Amino acid sequence: MVIPICHLAPGTDRAYNNPDHCRQGGSFMAETAFKKIEMPACEAEKLIRLHLGEGASELELLTGGNLSTVYAFTHQNRGYVAKFSPLPDDYKVEKLVSGFLEGRHVPYPACVGQSTYGAAQYVIQERMGGKPLASYSAEEKRRQFPQLFRILSQIHSTDISGTRGFGWLTASGDGAYGSWEDYVAAMFGEEQERGSFWHDWMRLFKTSCLEKDVFEECYNRLLAYLPYNAPHRHLLHGDVHAWNLLSDGTGITGIVDGNFLYGDIWVDVVNLDRHLAQMNVVEAYLNSLGAAADEIPHFRERLKGAYYFKGVDALRFYAKMGYRQAYEGTRQFLLGLD
């Protein structure tokens, strides 16, 4: 699952079967809003002992986030987090990703345990220092761009020559699909795995603010740009935004909660650009590469393909979660892109 372009607080009222309500004023909370899994502290402690032994302390339930229930704790004077999700494929490649990034100067948390517990998937990772980059001023964020872009470049230049495929990483290290086109078709197909986040997602056209004509227009534009992104295959974080970047105010201390996949690097860059509006992320990233847009073949087409890829998924995500403002903003951006 692709995580959306930005995070805005949901509305408080309900409106059903009325897409216009989502963009003509009034609040909206989707009937289908995602429910996090309930994980009592005592059960979390039991699983922590299973992987790390006795001695966990300062267990704290963290707030925020869209999909996972997260506990922070200390063990032998080191900080960790334990994350729990009801989604069947969550966390299954965390150890693989840790191995990919080891020694690459990427502050991604090491995985110390991952398994299934009842209906929950869970992972235990080291806790990274700092606080979300989102909590800093625009100027403080901008000063950290050079380091952030170096981190992204390190991820994107990871040696993946021993793997193949596109889209989500599988346990073997390969991508789940033979081509970028196949991945996009499967991602937005009507048939989705039962129990997954997107199972029966097309009902959102009737139960949420998701407008079928707008969705299909933007999806068709995405298809038109697919050939430009399709040849490019790199390791991507998949969800780069200011809440998944940690900082101590002077530098990036962690990049967390990846949805790792194989694809075009501009997918990561445009996601960050949409989160940090008015900060010219794309231009700044080009400058960090020492390249001009005209020097990169089909740059504008690749960029638009990436915007549509992230944006189309964001439309249905915001509709499902009831994030009216985010839906409206993404809708306006996408329709004005061409």
Protein backbone atom coordinates (compact mmCIF):
# COMPACT_ATOMS: atom_id res chain seq x y z
CA MET A 1 0.00 0.00 0.00
CA VAL A 2 1.22 3.47 -0.85
CA ILE A 3 0.96 5.97 1.90
CA PRO A 4 -0.53 9.33 0.98
CA ILE A 5 0.94 12.63 -0.12
CA CYS A 6 0.19 14.57 3.07
CA HIS A 7 -1.39 14.21 6.48
CA LEU A 8 -4.16 16.57 7.57
CA ALA A 9 -6.55 16.24 10.48
CA PRO A 10 -9.89 14.62 9.63
CA GLY A 11 -13.22 16.39 9.94
CA THR A 12 -15.66 15.62 12.69
CA ASP A 13 -19.04 15.26 10.96
CA ARG A 14 -20.30 12.41 8.82
CA ALA A 15 -21.57 12.61 5.28
CA TYR A 16 -22.47 9.48 3.34
CA ASN A 17 -23.01 8.89 -0.36
CA ASN A 18 -22.40 12.54 -1.14
CA PRO A 19 -19.06 13.18 -2.90
CA ASP A 20 -19.85 16.87 -3.40
CA HIS A 21 -19.99 17.38 0.36
CA CYS A 22 -16.32 16.51 0.50
CA ARG A 23 -15.36 19.62 -1.51
CA GLN A 24 -18.22 22.07 -1.16
CA GLY A 25 -17.86 22.86 2.52
CA GLY A 26 -18.69 20.89 5.61
CA SER A 27 -16.65 18.27 7.39
CA PHE A 28 -16.42 14.64 6.37
CA MET A 29 -15.51 11.49 8.24
CA ALA A 30 -15.57 8.38 6.09
CA GLU A 31 -17.76 5.52 7.14
CA THR A 32 -14.87 3.26 6.22
CA ALA A 33 -12.19 4.99 8.32
CA PHE A 34 -9.38 2.60 9.21
CA LYS A 35 -9.32 1.15 12.72
CA LYS A 36 -5.99 0.57 14.38
CA ILE A 37 -5.51 -2.73 16.13
CA GLU A 38 -6.00 -2.79 19.89
CA MET A 39 -2.93 -4.12 21.67
CA PRO A 40 -2.98 -4.00 25.50
CA ALA A 41 0.28 -3.06 27.16
CA CYS A 42 0.50 -6.42 28.92
CA GLU A 43 0.38 -8.25 25.58
CA ALA A 44 2.99 -5.93 24.09
CA GLU A 45 5.27 -6.57 27.07
CA LYS A 46 4.93 -10.32 26.57
CA LEU A 47 6.08 -10.08 22.95
CA ILE A 48 8.94 -7.77 23.87
CA ARG A 49 10.17 -10.34 26.43
CA LEU A 50 9.99 -13.02 23.76
CA HIS A 51 12.54 -11.17 21.62
CA LEU A 52 14.66 -9.23 24.11
CA GLY A 53 14.21 -11.03 27.40
CA GLU A 54 13.31 -9.47 30.74
CA GLY A 55 14.08 -5.90 31.65
CA ALA A 56 11.87 -3.72 29.44
CA SER A 57 10.76 -0.53 31.19
CA GLU A 58 9.14 2.85 30.55
CA LEU A 59 6.55 1.32 28.20
CA GLU A 60 4.56 4.16 26.62
CA LEU A 61 1.77 4.11 24.04
CA LEU A 62 2.58 6.70 21.37
CA THR A 63 -0.10 8.78 19.71
CA GLY A 64 -0.31 9.82 16.08
CA GLY A 65 0.23 7.83 12.91
CA ASN A 66 -2.39 6.46 10.57
CA LEU A 67 -2.10 2.69 10.62
CA SER A 68 0.04 1.26 13.43
CA THR A 69 -0.36 1.00 17.19
CA VAL A 70 3.07 1.88 18.61
CA TYR A 71 4.71 1.46 22.00
CA ALA A 72 8.03 2.99 22.98
CA PHE A 73 10.16 1.36 25.70
CA THR A 74 13.65 1.05 27.12
CA HIS A 75 15.69 -2.13 27.45
CA GLN A 76 19.20 -2.22 28.88
CA ASN A 77 19.44 1.56 28.54
CA ARG A 78 18.55 1.52 24.86
CA GLY A 79 15.38 2.86 23.29
CA TYR A 80 13.07 0.75 21.12
CA VAL A 81 9.61 0.83 19.56
CA ALA A 82 7.16 -2.03 19.06
CA LYS A 83 4.65 -1.51 16.23
CA PHE A 84 1.45 -3.49 15.66
CA SER A 85 -0.76 -3.60 12.58
CA PRO A 86 -3.78 -5.66 11.44
CA LEU A 87 -2.60 -5.57 7.82
CA PRO A 88 -1.26 -8.99 6.78
CA ASP A 89 1.83 -7.82 4.87
CA ASP A 90 3.10 -5.13 7.21
CA TYR A 91 6.70 -5.27 8.50
CA LYS A 92 7.63 -8.48 6.66
CA VAL A 93 10.65 -6.98 4.88
CA GLU A 94 12.06 -4.88 7.74
CA LYS A 95 15.05 -7.17 8.35
CA LEU A 96 15.72 -7.30 4.63
CA VAL A 97 15.69 -3.50 4.36
CA SER A 98 17.96 -3.16 7.40
CA GLY A 99 20.44 -5.40 5.61
CA PHE A 100 20.21 -3.42 2.38
CA LEU A 101 20.94 -0.15 4.17
CA GLU A 102 23.59 -1.37 6.60
CA GLY A 103 26.81 0.59 6.17
CA ARG A 104 25.24 3.15 3.81
CA HIS A 105 25.06 6.02 6.34
CA VAL A 106 21.26 5.90 6.30
CA PRO A 107 19.79 6.37 9.80
CA TYR A 108 17.12 3.72 9.41
CA PRO A 109 16.18 1.73 12.54
CA ALA A 110 17.59 -1.75 12.97
CA CYS A 111 15.01 -4.53 13.24
CA VAL A 112 15.42 -6.75 16.32
CA GLY A 113 12.23 -8.79 16.05
CA GLN A 114 9.32 -9.40 13.70
CA SER A 115 6.47 -11.91 13.75
CA THR A 116 2.71 -12.48 13.93
CA TYR A 117 0.57 -12.47 17.07
CA GLY A 118 -3.03 -13.46 16.57
CA ALA A 119 -4.48 -11.05 14.01
CA ALA A 120 -1.57 -8.64 14.41
CA GLN A 121 1.68 -8.23 12.55
CA TYR A 122 4.37 -6.68 14.69
CA VAL A 123 7.94 -5.47 14.55
CA ILE A 124 10.41 -4.33 17.21
CA GLN A 125 12.97 -1.74 16.13
CA GLU A 126 15.53 0.50 17.70
CA ARG A 127 14.16 3.94 18.50
CA MET A 128 15.73 6.80 16.62
CA GLY A 129 16.48 10.07 18.39
CA GLY A 130 15.03 13.45 17.56
CA LYS A 131 11.53 14.66 16.80
CA PRO A 132 9.59 14.90 13.51
CA LEU A 133 11.01 17.32 10.98
CA ALA A 134 7.45 18.65 10.70
CA SER A 135 7.83 20.31 14.10
CA TYR A 136 10.59 22.67 12.89
CA SER A 137 10.32 25.99 11.08
CA ALA A 138 10.62 26.25 7.31
CA GLU A 139 14.11 27.69 7.60
CA GLU A 140 15.20 24.94 10.00
CA LYS A 141 13.87 22.35 7.56
CA ARG A 142 15.61 23.98 4.61
CA ARG A 143 18.98 23.94 6.39
CA GLN A 144 18.71 20.16 6.64
CA PHE A 145 17.96 19.60 2.94
CA PRO A 146 21.58 18.82 1.96
CA GLN A 147 21.86 16.00 4.50
CA LEU A 148 18.35 14.74 3.75
CA PHE A 149 19.07 14.60 0.02
CA ARG A 150 22.32 12.73 0.67
CA ILE A 151 20.35 10.16 2.67
CA LEU A 152 17.80 9.75 -0.12
CA SER A 153 20.60 9.39 -2.66
CA GLN A 154 22.18 6.67 -0.52
CA ILE A 155 18.88 4.77 -0.46
CA HIS A 156 18.33 5.23 -4.19
CA SER A 157 21.86 4.11 -5.07
CA THR A 158 21.66 0.89 -3.04
CA ASP A 159 23.04 -2.04 -5.02
CA ILE A 160 19.97 -4.04 -6.08
CA SER A 161 21.63 -5.85 -8.97
CA GLY A 162 20.99 -9.18 -7.28
CA THR A 163 17.24 -8.60 -7.32
CA ARG A 164 14.60 -8.11 -9.99
CA GLY A 165 11.07 -6.82 -10.36
CA PHE A 166 9.15 -3.67 -9.47
CA GLY A 167 6.79 -2.55 -6.75
CA TRP A 168 6.69 -3.86 -3.20
CA LEU A 169 9.65 -5.80 -1.90
CA THR A 170 8.98 -9.46 -1.19
CA ALA A 171 10.74 -11.66 1.35
CA SER A 172 13.19 -12.81 -1.34
CA GLY A 173 14.28 -9.24 -2.01
CA ASP A 174 12.66 -9.16 -5.45
CA GLY A 175 9.88 -6.80 -6.46
CA ALA A 176 6.40 -8.29 -6.48
CA TYR A 177 5.77 -7.50 -10.17
CA GLY A 178 7.60 -7.96 -13.45
CA SER A 179 7.17 -4.36 -14.57
CA TRP A 180 6.15 -0.93 -13.27
CA GLU A 181 3.04 -1.14 -15.45
CA ASP A 182 2.03 -4.46 -13.89
CA TYR A 183 2.52 -3.03 -10.42
CA VAL A 184 0.33 0.01 -11.07
CA ALA A 185 -2.38 -2.13 -12.68
CA ALA A 186 -2.44 -4.49 -9.69
CA MET A 187 -2.34 -1.67 -7.17
CA PHE A 188 -5.45 -0.02 -8.57
CA GLY A 189 -7.23 -3.19 -9.68
CA GLU A 190 -10.67 -4.02 -8.34
CA GLU A 191 -9.56 -7.37 -6.94
CA GLN A 192 -7.51 -6.93 -3.76
CA GLU A 193 -6.53 -9.46 -1.11
CA ARG A 194 -9.23 -10.03 1.48
CA GLY A 195 -8.18 -8.47 4.79
CA SER A 196 -5.86 -5.99 3.10
CA PHE A 197 -6.26 -2.23 3.45
CA TRP A 198 -7.65 -1.90 -0.07
CA HIS A 199 -10.02 -4.88 -0.15
CA ASP A 200 -13.31 -3.78 -1.74
CA TRP A 201 -11.95 -0.25 -2.18
CA MET A 202 -14.25 0.63 -5.09
CA ARG A 203 -17.17 0.89 -2.72
CA LEU A 204 -15.60 4.21 -1.72
CA PHE A 205 -17.21 5.69 -4.84
CA LYS A 206 -20.54 5.18 -3.04
CA THR A 207 -19.65 5.47 0.64
CA SER A 208 -17.14 8.34 0.66
CA CYS A 209 -16.19 11.57 -1.06
CA LEU A 210 -14.17 9.71 -3.72
CA GLU A 211 -15.50 10.98 -7.07
CA LYS A 212 -15.37 8.34 -9.78
CA ASP A 213 -15.02 10.80 -12.66
CA VAL A 214 -12.15 12.64 -10.96
CA PHE A 215 -10.42 9.40 -9.99
CA GLU A 216 -10.69 7.96 -13.51
CA GLU A 217 -9.46 11.20 -15.11
CA CYS A 218 -6.37 11.26 -12.91
CA TYR A 219 -5.77 7.52 -13.29
CA ASN A 220 -5.90 7.82 -17.09
CA ARG A 221 -3.34 10.61 -16.90
CA LEU A 222 -1.17 8.33 -14.77
CA LEU A 223 -1.38 5.63 -17.44
CA ALA A 224 -0.26 8.11 -20.08
CA TYR A 225 2.95 8.84 -18.15
CA LEU A 226 3.74 5.27 -17.08
CA PRO A 227 6.16 4.60 -19.95
CA TYR A 228 8.43 7.40 -18.74
CA ASN A 229 8.80 6.01 -15.20
CA ALA A 230 8.81 2.34 -16.18
CA PRO A 231 12.49 1.92 -17.17
CA HIS A 232 13.82 3.33 -13.90
CA ARG A 233 14.42 0.91 -11.06
CA HIS A 234 15.89 1.95 -7.71
CA LEU A 235 15.22 1.16 -4.07
CA LEU A 236 12.69 3.70 -2.75
CA HIS A 237 11.66 4.55 0.80
CA GLY A 238 8.11 4.94 -0.49
CA ASP A 239 6.76 7.34 2.15
CA VAL A 240 9.17 10.25 2.54
CA HIS A 241 7.52 13.10 4.41
CA ALA A 242 8.19 15.38 7.34
CA TRP A 243 6.53 13.09 9.91
CA ASN A 244 8.71 10.13 8.89
CA LEU A 245 11.91 12.17 9.15
CA LEU A 246 13.41 12.75 12.59
CA SER A 247 15.75 15.60 13.48
CA ASP A 248 17.57 17.12 16.42
CA GLY A 249 17.16 20.56 14.86
CA THR A 250 20.54 20.62 13.17
CA GLY A 251 20.53 17.30 11.30
CA ILE A 252 18.46 14.29 10.29
CA THR A 253 18.66 11.63 13.01
CA GLY A 254 16.28 9.07 11.50
CA ILE A 255 14.18 8.14 8.50
CA VAL A 256 11.45 5.74 9.57
CA ASP A 257 8.26 3.91 8.54
CA GLY A 258 9.24 3.09 4.97
CA ASN A 259 7.01 1.36 2.45
CA PHE A 260 9.95 0.13 0.43
CA LEU A 261 9.55 -0.64 -3.24
CA TYR A 262 11.44 -0.61 -6.54
CA GLY A 263 10.72 2.23 -8.94
CA ASP A 264 11.67 5.70 -10.15
CA ILE A 265 13.48 7.96 -7.64
CA TRP A 266 11.12 10.85 -8.39
CA VAL A 267 8.35 8.98 -6.56
CA ASP A 268 10.18 9.70 -3.30
CA VAL A 269 11.06 13.27 -4.26
CA VAL A 270 7.54 14.35 -5.25
CA ASN A 271 6.11 12.87 -2.07
CA LEU A 272 8.42 15.09 -0.04
CA ASP A 273 7.67 18.04 -2.32
CA ARG A 274 3.92 17.78 -1.71
CA HIS A 275 4.47 17.59 2.04
CA LEU A 276 6.74 20.61 2.11
CA ALA A 277 4.68 22.87 -0.11
CA GLN A 278 6.21 26.22 -1.09
CA MET A 279 9.73 24.95 -0.32
CA ASN A 280 10.69 24.02 -3.90
CA VAL A 281 11.89 20.54 -2.98
CA VAL A 282 12.23 19.36 -6.57
CA GLU A 283 14.41 22.31 -7.56
CA ALA A 284 16.52 21.89 -4.41
CA TYR A 285 16.95 18.17 -5.11
CA LEU A 286 18.05 18.87 -8.68
CA ASN A 287 20.60 21.34 -7.34
CA SER A 288 21.91 18.68 -4.95
CA LEU A 289 22.44 16.39 -7.94
CA GLY A 290 24.26 19.15 -9.81
CA ALA A 291 21.83 18.69 -12.68
CA ALA A 292 19.40 20.86 -14.60
CA ALA A 293 15.96 19.57 -15.52
CA ASP A 294 16.78 19.81 -19.24
CA GLU A 295 19.79 17.54 -18.74
CA ILE A 296 17.63 14.63 -17.50
CA PRO A 297 15.86 12.77 -20.30
CA HIS A 298 12.06 13.05 -20.04
CA PHE A 299 12.40 14.75 -16.67
CA ARG A 300 9.05 16.56 -16.75
CA GLU A 301 7.20 13.44 -17.87
CA ARG A 302 8.82 11.35 -15.13
CA LEU A 303 7.95 14.01 -12.58
CA LYS A 304 4.30 14.13 -13.63
CA GLY A 305 4.11 10.34 -13.66
CA ALA A 306 5.38 10.31 -10.09
CA TYR A 307 2.93 13.03 -9.00
CA TYR A 308 0.00 11.14 -10.50
CA PHE A 309 1.15 7.83 -9.03
CA LYS A 310 1.28 9.18 -5.49
CA GLY A 311 -1.70 11.47 -5.95
CA VAL A 312 -4.19 8.97 -7.33
CA ASP A 313 -3.54 6.66 -4.41
CA ALA A 314 -3.78 9.61 -2.04
CA LEU A 315 -7.27 10.45 -3.34
CA ARG A 316 -8.67 7.09 -2.33
CA PHE A 317 -6.68 7.02 0.93
CA TYR A 318 -8.05 10.36 2.08
CA ALA A 319 -11.56 9.33 1.08
CA LYS A 320 -11.25 6.12 3.07
CA MET A 321 -9.84 7.89 6.12
CA GLY A 322 -12.23 10.82 5.96
CA TYR A 323 -9.52 13.45 5.51
CA ARG A 324 -11.62 15.98 3.62
CA GLN A 325 -9.11 18.82 3.41
CA ALA A 326 -6.34 16.55 2.19
CA TYR A 327 -8.66 15.04 -0.42
CA GLU A 328 -9.69 18.46 -1.66
CA GLY A 329 -6.14 19.78 -1.85
CA THR A 330 -4.86 16.70 -3.69
CA ARG A 331 -7.82 16.78 -6.08
CA GLN A 332 -7.13 20.41 -6.96
CA PHE A 333 -3.40 19.80 -7.43
CA LEU A 334 -3.85 16.79 -9.71
CA LEU A 335 -6.53 18.32 -11.91
CA GLY A 336 -4.31 21.37 -12.42
CA LEU A 337 -1.17 19.37 -13.22
CA ASP A 338 -1.86 19.06 -16.97
